[in-house]
Protein backbone atom coordinates (compact mmCIF):
# COMPACT_ATOMS: atom_id res chain seq x y z
CA MET A 1 6.30 -12.36 -6.39
CA ILE A 2 4.24 -9.13 -7.30
CA ASN A 3 2.35 -9.87 -10.72
CA ARG A 4 2.97 -6.83 -12.62
CA GLU A 5 -0.62 -7.23 -14.01
CA ASP A 6 -2.08 -6.61 -10.12
CA MET A 7 -0.47 -3.32 -10.13
CA LEU A 8 -1.23 -2.26 -13.34
CA GLU A 9 -4.75 -2.98 -12.49
CA LEU A 10 -4.89 -0.37 -9.61
CA THR A 11 -2.63 2.19 -11.05
CA ARG A 12 -4.80 2.76 -14.50
CA ARG A 13 -7.79 4.02 -11.81
CA MET A 14 -5.07 6.18 -10.19
CA THR A 15 -6.56 9.48 -12.59
CA VAL A 16 -8.55 12.24 -11.97
CA LYS A 17 -11.49 11.23 -13.21
CA ARG A 18 -11.53 7.43 -12.35
CA THR A 19 -9.84 7.61 -8.76
CA HIS A 20 -11.39 5.78 -6.07
CA PHE A 21 -9.56 7.48 -3.12
CA THR A 22 -11.75 9.09 -1.29
CA ARG A 23 -9.76 10.52 1.66
CA ILE A 24 -6.17 11.99 1.92
CA ALA A 25 -3.97 12.65 5.33
CA GLY A 26 -0.68 13.49 6.42
CA CYS A 27 2.01 15.43 8.50
CA TYR A 28 4.37 17.55 7.90
CA VAL A 29 7.89 16.67 9.47
CA ASP A 30 11.00 19.69 9.59
CA LYS A 31 14.16 19.18 9.15
CA ASP A 32 15.22 18.43 12.62
CA GLY A 33 12.61 15.48 12.71
CA ASP A 34 9.82 17.20 14.48
CA PHE A 35 5.81 17.29 13.79
CA GLU A 36 4.97 20.47 12.04
CA GLY A 37 1.32 19.68 11.24
CA SER A 38 -0.89 17.39 9.74
CA PHE A 39 -3.90 17.60 7.54
CA ASN A 40 -6.86 15.23 6.55
CA ARG A 41 -9.42 16.17 3.68
CA ALA A 42 -11.68 13.97 1.64
CA PHE A 43 -10.06 13.30 -1.43
CA GLY A 44 -13.47 14.64 -3.54
CA ASN A 45 -12.70 18.03 -1.97
CA LEU A 46 -9.73 18.93 -3.47
CA THR A 47 -9.19 20.60 -6.91
CA ALA A 48 -8.76 19.00 -10.31
CA ALA A 49 -4.56 20.20 -9.76
CA GLU A 50 -4.39 18.60 -6.35
CA LYS A 51 -5.49 15.49 -7.13
CA ALA A 52 -3.70 14.94 -10.16
CA ALA A 53 -0.04 16.20 -7.73
CA HIS A 54 -1.41 14.05 -5.25
CA LEU A 55 -2.71 11.02 -7.55
CA ALA A 56 1.49 10.98 -9.09
CA LEU A 57 2.62 10.73 -5.72
CA ALA A 58 -0.04 7.76 -4.66
CA LYS A 59 0.61 6.06 -7.87
CA ALA A 60 4.61 6.02 -7.97
CA VAL A 61 4.14 3.17 -5.01
CA PRO A 62 2.33 0.46 -6.87
CA PHE A 63 3.87 1.53 -10.60
CA ALA A 64 7.60 0.90 -9.12
CA GLY A 65 9.89 -1.48 -10.58
CA THR A 66 7.68 -4.68 -9.65
CA ASN A 67 10.06 -7.28 -7.10
CA GLU A 68 13.07 -4.39 -7.34
CA GLU A 69 11.94 -1.24 -5.96
CA LEU A 70 8.45 -2.94 -4.81
CA ILE A 71 8.24 -6.10 -3.18
CA GLU A 72 6.03 -8.12 -1.52
CA CYS A 73 6.78 -9.11 2.41
CA ARG A 74 5.13 -11.25 5.06
CA PHE A 75 4.42 -9.47 8.40
CA PRO A 76 6.55 -11.79 10.92
CA SER A 77 3.71 -14.03 12.87
CA ASP A 78 6.42 -13.98 15.80
CA SER A 79 7.45 -10.19 16.33
CA LYS A 80 4.96 -8.52 18.30
CA SER A 81 5.89 -4.76 17.12
CA SER A 82 5.24 -6.26 13.41
CA GLN A 83 1.52 -7.56 14.74
CA ASP A 84 1.46 -4.39 16.57
CA MET A 85 1.86 -2.49 13.25
CA TRP A 86 -0.22 -4.98 11.43
CA LYS A 87 -3.19 -4.03 13.75
CA LEU A 88 -2.71 -0.12 13.93
CA LEU A 89 -2.69 -0.39 9.80
CA MET A 90 -5.75 -2.18 9.72
CA GLY A 91 -7.40 0.09 11.91
CA ILE A 92 -6.35 3.09 9.81
CA ARG A 93 -8.03 1.05 7.15
CA SER A 94 -11.29 -0.03 8.34
CA CYS A 95 -11.51 3.59 9.53
CA GLY A 96 -10.88 5.18 6.16
CA LEU A 97 -8.32 7.49 7.78
CA LYS A 98 -11.11 9.22 9.65
CA ASN A 99 -9.38 8.51 13.52
CA ASP A 100 -7.56 11.15 13.39
CA ALA A 101 -5.63 9.12 16.96
CA LEU A 102 -4.98 6.29 14.96
CA LEU A 103 -3.02 8.90 12.23
CA ASP A 104 -1.27 10.60 15.23
CA THR A 105 -0.18 7.14 16.57
CA PHE A 106 1.29 6.43 13.08
CA TYR A 107 3.10 9.61 12.34
CA ASP A 108 4.95 9.66 15.76
CA LEU A 109 5.78 5.86 15.27
CA VAL A 110 7.31 6.75 11.89
CA MET A 111 8.80 10.07 12.70
CA GLU A 112 10.66 7.95 15.67
CA GLN A 113 12.17 5.72 13.09
CA VAL A 114 12.69 7.82 9.59
CA ARG A 115 16.02 10.14 10.10
CA ILE A 116 16.62 11.45 6.96
CA PRO A 117 17.83 15.14 5.67
CA GLY A 118 15.57 17.95 5.45
CA PRO A 119 11.89 17.95 6.10
CA TYR A 120 9.39 15.35 4.41
CA SER A 121 6.18 14.63 4.05
CA ILE A 122 4.09 11.47 5.78
CA LEU A 123 1.25 10.85 3.39
CA LEU A 124 -1.61 8.15 3.45
CA PHE A 125 -4.01 7.79 0.94
CA TYR A 126 -7.56 5.65 1.17
CA GLY A 127 -9.09 3.88 -1.72
CA VAL A 128 -11.49 1.23 -1.96
CA TYR A 129 -11.75 -0.35 -5.50
CA ASP A 130 -14.61 -2.07 -7.25
CA ILE A 131 -13.04 -5.35 -8.45
CA PRO A 132 -14.39 -6.32 -12.00
CA LEU A 133 -15.50 -10.13 -12.16
CA LYS A 134 -13.30 -11.53 -15.13
CA GLY A 135 -14.03 -14.23 -17.41
CA SER A 136 -11.30 -16.98 -18.28
CA ASP A 137 -9.99 -14.57 -21.06
CA LYS A 138 -9.82 -11.77 -18.87
CA GLN A 139 -12.73 -9.63 -19.97
CA ARG A 140 -14.71 -8.22 -17.96
CA LEU A 141 -18.18 -10.00 -17.42
CA GLU A 142 -20.39 -7.78 -15.15
CA ASP A 143 -20.32 -5.29 -12.34
CA SER A 144 -17.90 -5.75 -9.44
CA GLU A 145 -18.80 -8.26 -6.58
CA SER A 146 -16.32 -7.43 -4.47
CA VAL A 147 -13.99 -4.57 -3.22
CA PHE A 148 -10.17 -3.71 -2.65
CA GLU A 149 -10.34 -1.90 0.58
CA TYR A 150 -6.32 -0.25 1.15
CA ILE A 151 -3.91 2.29 1.68
CA ILE A 152 -0.69 3.96 0.39
CA CYS A 153 1.52 5.39 2.36
CA THR A 154 4.46 7.69 1.10
CA ILE A 155 7.70 9.36 2.67
CA CYS A 156 8.38 12.42 0.41
CA PRO A 157 10.65 14.82 0.81
CA ILE A 158 8.76 18.65 0.45
CA SER A 159 10.25 21.99 -0.10
CA GLY A 160 8.71 25.73 -0.84
CA ASP A 161 5.18 25.64 0.68
CA TYR A 162 4.90 22.25 1.89
CA GLU A 163 4.53 20.81 -1.84
CA SER A 164 5.80 16.96 -1.55
CA GLY A 165 7.91 15.25 -4.40
CA ALA A 166 8.57 12.21 -5.61
CA PRO A 167 8.41 9.50 -2.77
CA PHE A 168 11.51 7.97 -1.05
CA ALA A 169 9.92 5.01 -0.03
CA GLY A 170 6.58 4.04 1.21
CA PHE A 171 3.81 0.85 1.05
CA LEU A 172 0.52 -0.38 -0.37
CA PHE A 173 -1.69 -1.98 2.52
CA PRO A 174 -2.66 -5.01 2.52
CA ALA A 175 -0.72 -6.62 -0.38
CA TYR A 176 -3.01 -7.36 -3.74
CA ALA A 177 -2.82 -10.36 -5.47
CA GLU A 178 -5.29 -11.92 -8.02
CA GLN A 179 -8.02 -9.39 -7.45
CA SER A 180 -7.69 -10.10 -3.55
CA ALA A 181 -6.30 -8.60 -0.59
CA ILE A 182 -3.60 -10.61 0.98
CA LEU A 183 -4.33 -8.99 4.68
CA SER A 184 -1.08 -10.71 5.37
CA HIS A 185 1.16 -8.92 3.97
CA ILE A 186 2.38 -5.31 2.26
CA ASP A 187 3.82 -4.25 -0.96
CA PHE A 188 7.05 -2.57 0.04
CA TYR A 189 8.52 0.14 -1.77
CA GLU A 190 12.22 1.75 -1.47
CA SER A 191 13.30 4.03 -4.06
CA THR A 192 17.54 3.68 -5.48
CA SER A 193 18.63 7.44 -3.79
CA LYS A 194 20.55 6.90 -1.35
CA ILE A 195 18.26 9.04 0.56
CA GLY A 196 15.16 6.32 -0.06
CA THR A 197 17.60 3.85 1.06
CA THR A 198 17.65 5.43 4.91
CA ALA A 199 13.72 6.13 4.56
CA ALA A 200 13.07 2.74 3.53
CA ALA A 201 15.28 1.52 6.68
CA GLY A 202 13.53 3.08 8.73
CA ILE A 203 10.16 1.95 7.87
CA ARG A 204 11.08 -1.44 7.56
CA ARG A 205 12.09 -1.23 11.33
CA LEU A 206 8.66 0.25 11.89
CA LEU A 207 6.90 -2.89 10.45
CA ASP A 208 9.98 -5.46 11.77
CA LEU A 209 10.35 -6.18 8.14
């Protein structure tokens, strides 16, 4: 079960002034499900408007209805495909989205599974959150002693000049609980729309959840 406070702890930092995202990458998929281009940029190089727009997309995952739209899932240890995806996500996380070969592999795997009407984007955000040390009363005591290194993925509809809309599906990896990374788990997001269910089913197949 996901504790709502854990997710709010992360989303409170998802503002233009407080963001801990350092990089964003993604690709665009046309209406026929074919690759249409990709990008990979330092988050700090985006304009303030671009940062705000992309933060809203990333925030939609951890801010979703806890244990309803957003659920915690364990990677099945007896599934080779699931463990292979876990290794790929760990690699993407450890390189901070700077290895385009790993990203291209991820995009290809997503496109194989996610078939939805219309074009869409696959967006990846990389962040490093300095976890504050807190006392028993939950008040911050001093500077952080550890960090939470993570990625957020969103599957979004696109329109106009490659503008991404509210996510259909996505995930936070690794899962976050009690100020710690839960490497064996992933927080999985599925919107309530019909297309969201279809997109989420594709991601579930990919992760074997």
